[in-house]
């Protein structure tokens, strides 16, 4: 949840770069709605409990005896749907900081 809050805190910086923020999570819609409301997120959070989007990006992480989840990933996708930058990790505690994502956006400009 911290990464979602971090993106929210820098939303104005993303807006200045004409960059939309979208999160994709495996949680059900009802749970997502509560997080969006409670944290005060002003961007879209897509529920993907069937892992459709997660599978499409090759991010499925199967866990022994537990439901599958997504590997942590951040993508910059242009208007044509081309992935221009990505950060994918196996470590669920390591996520790129908003500054790193903003720097990647700036490097693509």
C-alpha atoms as a PDB file:
ATOM      1  CA  UNK A   1       0.000   0.000   0.000  1.00  0.00           C
ATOM      2  CA  UNK A   2       2.941   2.331   0.631  1.00  0.00           C
ATOM      3  CA  UNK A   3       3.776   2.425  -3.078  1.00  0.00           C
ATOM      4  CA  UNK A   4       0.196   3.449  -3.858  1.00  0.00           C
ATOM      5  CA  UNK A   5       0.407   6.253  -1.320  1.00  0.00           C
ATOM      6  CA  UNK A   6       3.797   7.336  -2.662  1.00  0.00           C
ATOM      7  CA  UNK A   7       2.394   7.628  -6.170  1.00  0.00           C
ATOM      8  CA  UNK A   8      -0.550   9.619  -4.838  1.00  0.00           C
ATOM      9  CA  UNK A   9       1.771  12.047  -3.055  1.00  0.00           C
ATOM     10  CA  UNK A  10       3.540  12.720  -6.371  1.00  0.00           C
ATOM     11  CA  UNK A  11       0.414  12.744  -8.556  1.00  0.00           C
ATOM     12  CA  UNK A  12       0.860  16.420  -9.430  1.00  0.00           C
ATOM     13  CA  UNK A  13       4.332  15.615 -10.787  1.00  0.00           C
ATOM     14  CA  UNK A  14       2.886  12.866 -12.971  1.00  0.00           C
ATOM     15  CA  UNK A  15       0.086  15.199 -14.109  1.00  0.00           C
ATOM     16  CA  UNK A  16       2.635  17.859 -15.141  1.00  0.00           C
ATOM     17  CA  UNK A  17       4.241  15.236 -17.361  1.00  0.00           C
ATOM     18  CA  UNK A  18       0.869  14.245 -18.882  1.00  0.00           C
ATOM     19  CA  UNK A  19       1.300  10.801 -17.367  1.00  0.00           C
ATOM     20  CA  UNK A  20      -1.663   8.818 -16.065  1.00  0.00           C
ATOM     21  CA  UNK A  21      -1.146   6.567 -13.069  1.00  0.00           C
ATOM     22  CA  UNK A  22      -2.944   3.225 -13.006  1.00  0.00           C
ATOM     23  CA  UNK A  23      -2.462   0.407 -10.522  1.00  0.00           C
ATOM     24  CA  UNK A  24      -3.373  -3.237 -11.132  1.00  0.00           C
ATOM     25  CA  UNK A  25      -3.875  -5.492  -8.120  1.00  0.00           C
ATOM     26  CA  UNK A  26      -5.228  -9.000  -7.553  1.00  0.00           C
ATOM     27  CA  UNK A  27      -7.626  -7.885  -4.834  1.00  0.00           C
ATOM     28  CA  UNK A  28     -11.396  -8.002  -5.449  1.00  0.00           C
ATOM     29  CA  UNK A  29     -13.262  -4.858  -6.456  1.00  0.00           C
ATOM     30  CA  UNK A  30     -14.844  -4.344  -3.030  1.00  0.00           C
ATOM     31  CA  UNK A  31     -11.504  -4.496  -1.239  1.00  0.00           C
ATOM     32  CA  UNK A  32      -9.945  -2.184  -3.824  1.00  0.00           C
ATOM     33  CA  UNK A  33     -12.714   0.349  -3.439  1.00  0.00           C
ATOM     34  CA  UNK A  34     -12.068   0.454   0.297  1.00  0.00           C
ATOM     35  CA  UNK A  35      -8.328   0.994  -0.176  1.00  0.00           C
ATOM     36  CA  UNK A  36      -8.897   3.735  -2.759  1.00  0.00           C
ATOM     37  CA  UNK A  37     -11.348   5.463  -0.418  1.00  0.00           C
ATOM     38  CA  UNK A  38      -9.349   5.007   2.794  1.00  0.00           C
ATOM     39  CA  UNK A  39      -6.023   6.076   1.292  1.00  0.00           C
ATOM     40  CA  UNK A  40      -7.579   8.857  -0.794  1.00  0.00           C
ATOM     41  CA  UNK A  41      -6.205   7.721  -4.139  1.00  0.00           C
ATOM     42  CA  UNK A  42      -7.040   9.977  -7.057  1.00  0.00           C
ATOM     43  CA  UNK A  43      -6.077   7.522  -9.772  1.00  0.00           C
ATOM     44  CA  UNK A  44      -7.573   4.276 -11.049  1.00  0.00           C
ATOM     45  CA  UNK A  45      -6.881   0.944  -9.369  1.00  0.00           C
ATOM     46  CA  UNK A  46      -7.885  -2.014 -11.518  1.00  0.00           C
ATOM     47  CA  UNK A  47      -8.969  -5.230  -9.812  1.00  0.00           C
ATOM     48  CA  UNK A  48      -7.551  -8.281 -11.568  1.00  0.00           C
ATOM     49  CA  UNK A  49      -8.525 -11.230  -9.333  1.00  0.00           C
ATOM     50  CA  UNK A  50      -8.507 -13.594 -12.342  1.00  0.00           C
ATOM     51  CA  UNK A  51      -4.932 -12.465 -13.188  1.00  0.00           C
ATOM     52  CA  UNK A  52      -5.878 -11.597 -16.781  1.00  0.00           C
ATOM     53  CA  UNK A  53      -3.733  -8.461 -17.051  1.00  0.00           C
ATOM     54  CA  UNK A  54      -1.079  -9.930 -14.790  1.00  0.00           C
ATOM     55  CA  UNK A  55      -0.778 -12.973 -17.081  1.00  0.00           C
ATOM     56  CA  UNK A  56      -0.668 -10.776 -20.196  1.00  0.00           C
ATOM     57  CA  UNK A  57       2.429  -9.027 -18.829  1.00  0.00           C
ATOM     58  CA  UNK A  58       4.053 -12.261 -17.627  1.00  0.00           C
ATOM     59  CA  UNK A  59       3.906 -11.273 -13.962  1.00  0.00           C
ATOM     60  CA  UNK A  60       2.142 -14.251 -12.395  1.00  0.00           C
ATOM     61  CA  UNK A  61       3.850 -15.478  -9.227  1.00  0.00           C
ATOM     62  CA  UNK A  62       2.688 -18.922  -8.143  1.00  0.00           C
ATOM     63  CA  UNK A  63       3.063 -19.718  -4.463  1.00  0.00           C
ATOM     64  CA  UNK A  64       3.007 -23.216  -3.026  1.00  0.00           C
ATOM     65  CA  UNK A  65      -0.415 -23.886  -1.534  1.00  0.00           C
ATOM     66  CA  UNK A  66      -1.497 -20.227  -1.721  1.00  0.00           C
ATOM     67  CA  UNK A  67      -3.304 -18.183  -4.375  1.00  0.00           C
ATOM     68  CA  UNK A  68      -1.174 -16.762  -7.182  1.00  0.00           C
ATOM     69  CA  UNK A  69      -0.279 -13.092  -7.034  1.00  0.00           C
ATOM     70  CA  UNK A  70       1.569 -10.626  -9.244  1.00  0.00           C
ATOM     71  CA  UNK A  71       5.288  -9.997  -9.124  1.00  0.00           C
ATOM     72  CA  UNK A  72       5.909  -6.329  -8.304  1.00  0.00           C
ATOM     73  CA  UNK A  73       6.191  -4.362 -11.534  1.00  0.00           C
ATOM     74  CA  UNK A  74       6.042  -0.819 -12.828  1.00  0.00           C
ATOM     75  CA  UNK A  75       5.569  -0.022 -16.511  1.00  0.00           C
ATOM     76  CA  UNK A  76       5.609   3.138 -18.586  1.00  0.00           C
ATOM     77  CA  UNK A  77       3.377   2.579 -21.588  1.00  0.00           C
ATOM     78  CA  UNK A  78       3.036   5.183 -24.335  1.00  0.00           C
ATOM     79  CA  UNK A  79      -0.165   6.231 -26.090  1.00  0.00           C
ATOM     80  CA  UNK A  80       0.372   3.533 -28.730  1.00  0.00           C
ATOM     81  CA  UNK A  81       0.529   0.787 -26.096  1.00  0.00           C
ATOM     82  CA  UNK A  82       4.291   0.301 -26.404  1.00  0.00           C
ATOM     83  CA  UNK A  83       6.125  -0.474 -23.169  1.00  0.00           C
ATOM     84  CA  UNK A  84       8.899   2.148 -22.949  1.00  0.00           C
ATOM     85  CA  UNK A  85      10.286   1.326 -19.491  1.00  0.00           C
ATOM     86  CA  UNK A  86       9.727  -1.323 -16.879  1.00  0.00           C
ATOM     87  CA  UNK A  87      10.867  -2.360 -13.446  1.00  0.00           C
ATOM     88  CA  UNK A  88      10.086  -5.954 -12.491  1.00  0.00           C
ATOM     89  CA  UNK A  89      11.388  -7.677  -9.391  1.00  0.00           C
ATOM     90  CA  UNK A  90      11.013 -10.911  -7.475  1.00  0.00           C
ATOM     91  CA  UNK A  91      11.421  -9.076  -4.158  1.00  0.00           C
ATOM     92  CA  UNK A  92       8.026  -7.903  -2.960  1.00  0.00           C
ATOM     93  CA  UNK A  93       9.614  -5.272  -0.734  1.00  0.00           C
ATOM     94  CA  UNK A  94      11.519  -3.557  -3.545  1.00  0.00           C
ATOM     95  CA  UNK A  95       9.471  -1.154  -5.604  1.00  0.00           C
ATOM     96  CA  UNK A  96      10.765   1.832  -7.545  1.00  0.00           C
ATOM     97  CA  UNK A  97      10.338   5.132  -5.740  1.00  0.00           C
ATOM     98  CA  UNK A  98       8.199   7.746  -7.487  1.00  0.00           C
ATOM     99  CA  UNK A  99      11.372   9.775  -8.148  1.00  0.00           C
ATOM    100  CA  UNK A 100      12.803   6.866 -10.152  1.00  0.00           C
ATOM    101  CA  UNK A 101       9.628   6.560 -12.209  1.00  0.00           C
ATOM    102  CA  UNK A 102       9.548  10.312 -12.838  1.00  0.00           C
ATOM    103  CA  UNK A 103      13.209  10.220 -13.894  1.00  0.00           C
ATOM    104  CA  UNK A 104      12.392   7.422 -16.337  1.00  0.00           C
ATOM    105  CA  UNK A 105       9.557   9.512 -17.784  1.00  0.00           C
ATOM    106  CA  UNK A 106      11.888  12.483 -18.154  1.00  0.00           C
ATOM    107  CA  UNK A 107      14.522  10.329 -19.887  1.00  0.00           C
ATOM    108  CA  UNK A 108      11.967   9.239 -22.467  1.00  0.00           C
ATOM    109  CA  UNK A 109      10.887  12.778 -23.294  1.00  0.00           C
END
